[in-house]
C-alpha atoms as a PDB file:
ATOM      1  CA  MET A   1    -107.501 -22.195 -56.563  1.00  0.00           C
ATOM      2  CA  GLY A   2    -106.998 -20.833 -60.249  1.00  0.00           C
ATOM      3  CA  VAL A   3    -104.529 -19.781 -62.513  1.00  0.00           C
ATOM      4  CA  LYS A   4    -104.214 -16.495 -64.259  1.00  0.00           C
ATOM      5  CA  HIS A   5    -101.909 -15.147 -66.541  1.00  0.00           C
ATOM      6  CA  PHE A   6    -100.249 -11.064 -66.615  1.00  0.00           C
ATOM      7  CA  VAL A   7     -98.097  -9.536 -69.698  1.00  0.00           C
ATOM      8  CA  ILE A   8     -95.264  -7.063 -69.413  1.00  0.00           C
ATOM      9  CA  SER A   9     -93.002  -6.323 -72.257  1.00  0.00           C
ATOM     10  CA  GLU A  10     -89.132  -5.950 -71.476  1.00  0.00           C
ATOM     11  CA  GLU A  11     -90.314  -2.012 -72.624  1.00  0.00           C
ATOM     12  CA  ASP A  12     -92.799  -2.023 -69.891  1.00  0.00           C
ATOM     13  CA  ASP A  13     -91.285  -4.215 -67.471  1.00  0.00           C
ATOM     14  CA  GLU A  14     -91.571  -0.711 -64.514  1.00  0.00           C
ATOM     15  CA  LYS A  15     -94.500  -1.940 -64.066  1.00  0.00           C
ATOM     16  CA  PHE A  16     -93.489  -5.458 -62.463  1.00  0.00           C
ATOM     17  CA  ALA A  17     -92.841  -4.075 -58.759  1.00  0.00           C
ATOM     18  CA  THR A  18     -96.032  -2.398 -58.554  1.00  0.00           C
ATOM     19  CA  LEU A  19     -97.672  -5.665 -60.147  1.00  0.00           C
ATOM     20  CA  LEU A  20     -95.826  -8.080 -57.831  1.00  0.00           C
ATOM     21  CA  LEU A  21     -96.420  -5.956 -54.947  1.00  0.00           C
ATOM     22  CA  LYS A  22    -100.071  -6.345 -55.908  1.00  0.00           C
ATOM     23  CA  LEU A  23    -100.162  -9.851 -56.434  1.00  0.00           C
ATOM     24  CA  ALA A  24     -98.215 -10.531 -52.591  1.00  0.00           C
ATOM     25  CA  LYS A  25    -100.949  -8.341 -50.866  1.00  0.00           C
ATOM     26  CA  GLU A  26    -103.619 -10.094 -52.693  1.00  0.00           C
ATOM     27  CA  LYS A  27    -101.942 -12.892 -51.064  1.00  0.00           C
ATOM     28  CA  TYR A  28    -101.227 -15.510 -54.130  1.00  0.00           C
ATOM     29  CA  ALA A  29     -99.276 -18.351 -52.786  1.00  0.00           C
ATOM     30  CA  VAL A  30     -96.978 -18.951 -56.426  1.00  0.00           C
ATOM     31  CA  VAL A  31     -96.233 -16.413 -59.387  1.00  0.00           C
ATOM     32  CA  PHE A  32     -93.915 -17.029 -62.029  1.00  0.00           C
ATOM     33  CA  ILE A  33     -91.849 -14.835 -63.327  1.00  0.00           C
ATOM     34  CA  GLN A  34     -89.478 -14.765 -66.397  1.00  0.00           C
ATOM     35  CA  GLU A  35     -85.475 -14.916 -65.808  1.00  0.00           C
ATOM     36  CA  PHE A  36     -84.752 -11.105 -66.725  1.00  0.00           C
ATOM     37  CA  LEU A  37     -87.519  -9.393 -64.924  1.00  0.00           C
ATOM     38  CA  PHE A  38     -86.014 -11.762 -61.707  1.00  0.00           C
ATOM     39  CA  VAL A  39     -82.489 -10.710 -62.160  1.00  0.00           C
ATOM     40  CA  LYS A  40     -83.307  -7.502 -62.458  1.00  0.00           C
ATOM     41  CA  TYR A  41     -85.301  -6.796 -60.293  1.00  0.00           C
ATOM     42  CA  MET A  42     -83.760  -9.458 -57.436  1.00  0.00           C
ATOM     43  CA  SER A  43     -84.478  -7.081 -54.936  1.00  0.00           C
ATOM     44  CA  VAL A  44     -87.932  -6.303 -55.240  1.00  0.00           C
ATOM     45  CA  VAL A  45     -88.443 -10.058 -55.421  1.00  0.00           C
ATOM     46  CA  ASP A  46     -86.074 -10.730 -52.480  1.00  0.00           C
ATOM     47  CA  SER A  47     -88.151  -8.582 -49.952  1.00  0.00           C
ATOM     48  CA  ILE A  48     -91.589  -9.727 -51.097  1.00  0.00           C
ATOM     49  CA  ASN A  49     -90.809 -13.278 -50.910  1.00  0.00           C
ATOM     50  CA  GLU A  50     -89.514 -12.516 -46.899  1.00  0.00           C
ATOM     51  CA  GLU A  51     -92.422 -10.174 -46.026  1.00  0.00           C
ATOM     52  CA  TYR A  52     -95.331 -12.490 -47.911  1.00  0.00           C
ATOM     53  CA  PRO A  53     -96.439 -15.836 -47.844  1.00  0.00           C
ATOM     54  CA  VAL A  54     -95.309 -16.183 -51.641  1.00  0.00           C
ATOM     55  CA  SER A  55     -93.171 -18.111 -53.652  1.00  0.00           C
ATOM     56  CA  VAL A  56     -91.674 -16.169 -56.467  1.00  0.00           C
ATOM     57  CA  LEU A  57     -89.957 -18.324 -58.964  1.00  0.00           C
ATOM     58  CA  PRO A  58     -88.080 -17.420 -62.019  1.00  0.00           C
ATOM     59  CA  ILE A  59     -88.965 -19.697 -65.343  1.00  0.00           C
ATOM     60  CA  PRO A  60     -87.116 -19.528 -68.265  1.00  0.00           C
ATOM     61  CA  GLY A  61     -87.907 -16.715 -71.212  1.00  0.00           C
ATOM     62  CA  LEU A  62     -88.620 -18.197 -75.196  1.00  0.00           C
ATOM     63  CA  LYS A  63     -84.525 -17.321 -76.112  1.00  0.00           C
ATOM     64  CA  GLY A  64     -83.373 -19.864 -73.334  1.00  0.00           C
ATOM     65  CA  GLY A  65     -82.871 -19.592 -69.678  1.00  0.00           C
ATOM     66  CA  SER A  66     -79.314 -17.693 -67.708  1.00  0.00           C
ATOM     67  CA  GLY A  67     -79.009 -20.271 -64.712  1.00  0.00           C
ATOM     68  CA  ALA A  68     -80.398 -17.744 -62.374  1.00  0.00           C
ATOM     69  CA  GLY A  69     -83.738 -20.094 -61.641  1.00  0.00           C
ATOM     70  CA  LEU A  70     -81.901 -22.539 -60.942  1.00  0.00           C
ATOM     71  CA  ALA A  71     -79.513 -20.677 -58.745  1.00  0.00           C
ATOM     72  CA  SER A  72     -82.673 -19.701 -56.818  1.00  0.00           C
ATOM     73  CA  ILE A  73     -84.105 -22.727 -56.176  1.00  0.00           C
ATOM     74  CA  ARG A  74     -80.865 -23.917 -55.186  1.00  0.00           C
ATOM     75  CA  ASN A  75     -80.382 -20.759 -52.255  1.00  0.00           C
ATOM     76  CA  SER A  76     -83.840 -21.463 -51.536  1.00  0.00           C
ATOM     77  CA  VAL A  77     -84.118 -25.447 -50.629  1.00  0.00           C
ATOM     78  CA  GLU A  78     -79.904 -24.961 -49.170  1.00  0.00           C
ATOM     79  CA  ARG A  79     -82.331 -22.122 -46.466  1.00  0.00           C
ATOM     80  CA  ALA A  80     -84.698 -24.600 -46.083  1.00  0.00           C
ATOM     81  CA  VAL A  81     -82.589 -27.881 -45.853  1.00  0.00           C
ATOM     82  CA  GLY A  82     -79.457 -26.215 -43.903  1.00  0.00           C
ATOM     83  CA  MET A  83     -77.270 -27.961 -46.833  1.00  0.00           C
ATOM     84  CA  ASP A  84     -76.967 -27.601 -50.699  1.00  0.00           C
ATOM     85  CA  ILE A  85     -78.398 -30.955 -51.949  1.00  0.00           C
ATOM     86  CA  PHE A  86     -78.103 -30.642 -55.495  1.00  0.00           C
ATOM     87  CA  ALA A  87     -73.566 -30.545 -54.697  1.00  0.00           C
ATOM     88  CA  VAL A  88     -72.179 -33.135 -56.949  1.00  0.00           C
ATOM     89  CA  LYS A  89     -69.683 -35.079 -54.444  1.00  0.00           C
END
């Protein structure tokens, strides 16, 4: 068990998909990424989450969050539980 960090600048973010696939193949369990990458590469993240036993989770960047992280967690929980447990009644 351990933690490693990888830095990809916004100007160089085309390397993200390659790095994410590499981490999934190396059997990383959890990968935290900034929301801007999550939103931009959502189809890549979705396919990797489906194909590999890795959880790719978005976190807010320095400028704050867009809500994409919460929406992703909400959707994942709804798929797992079968209902939206975050819904306000």
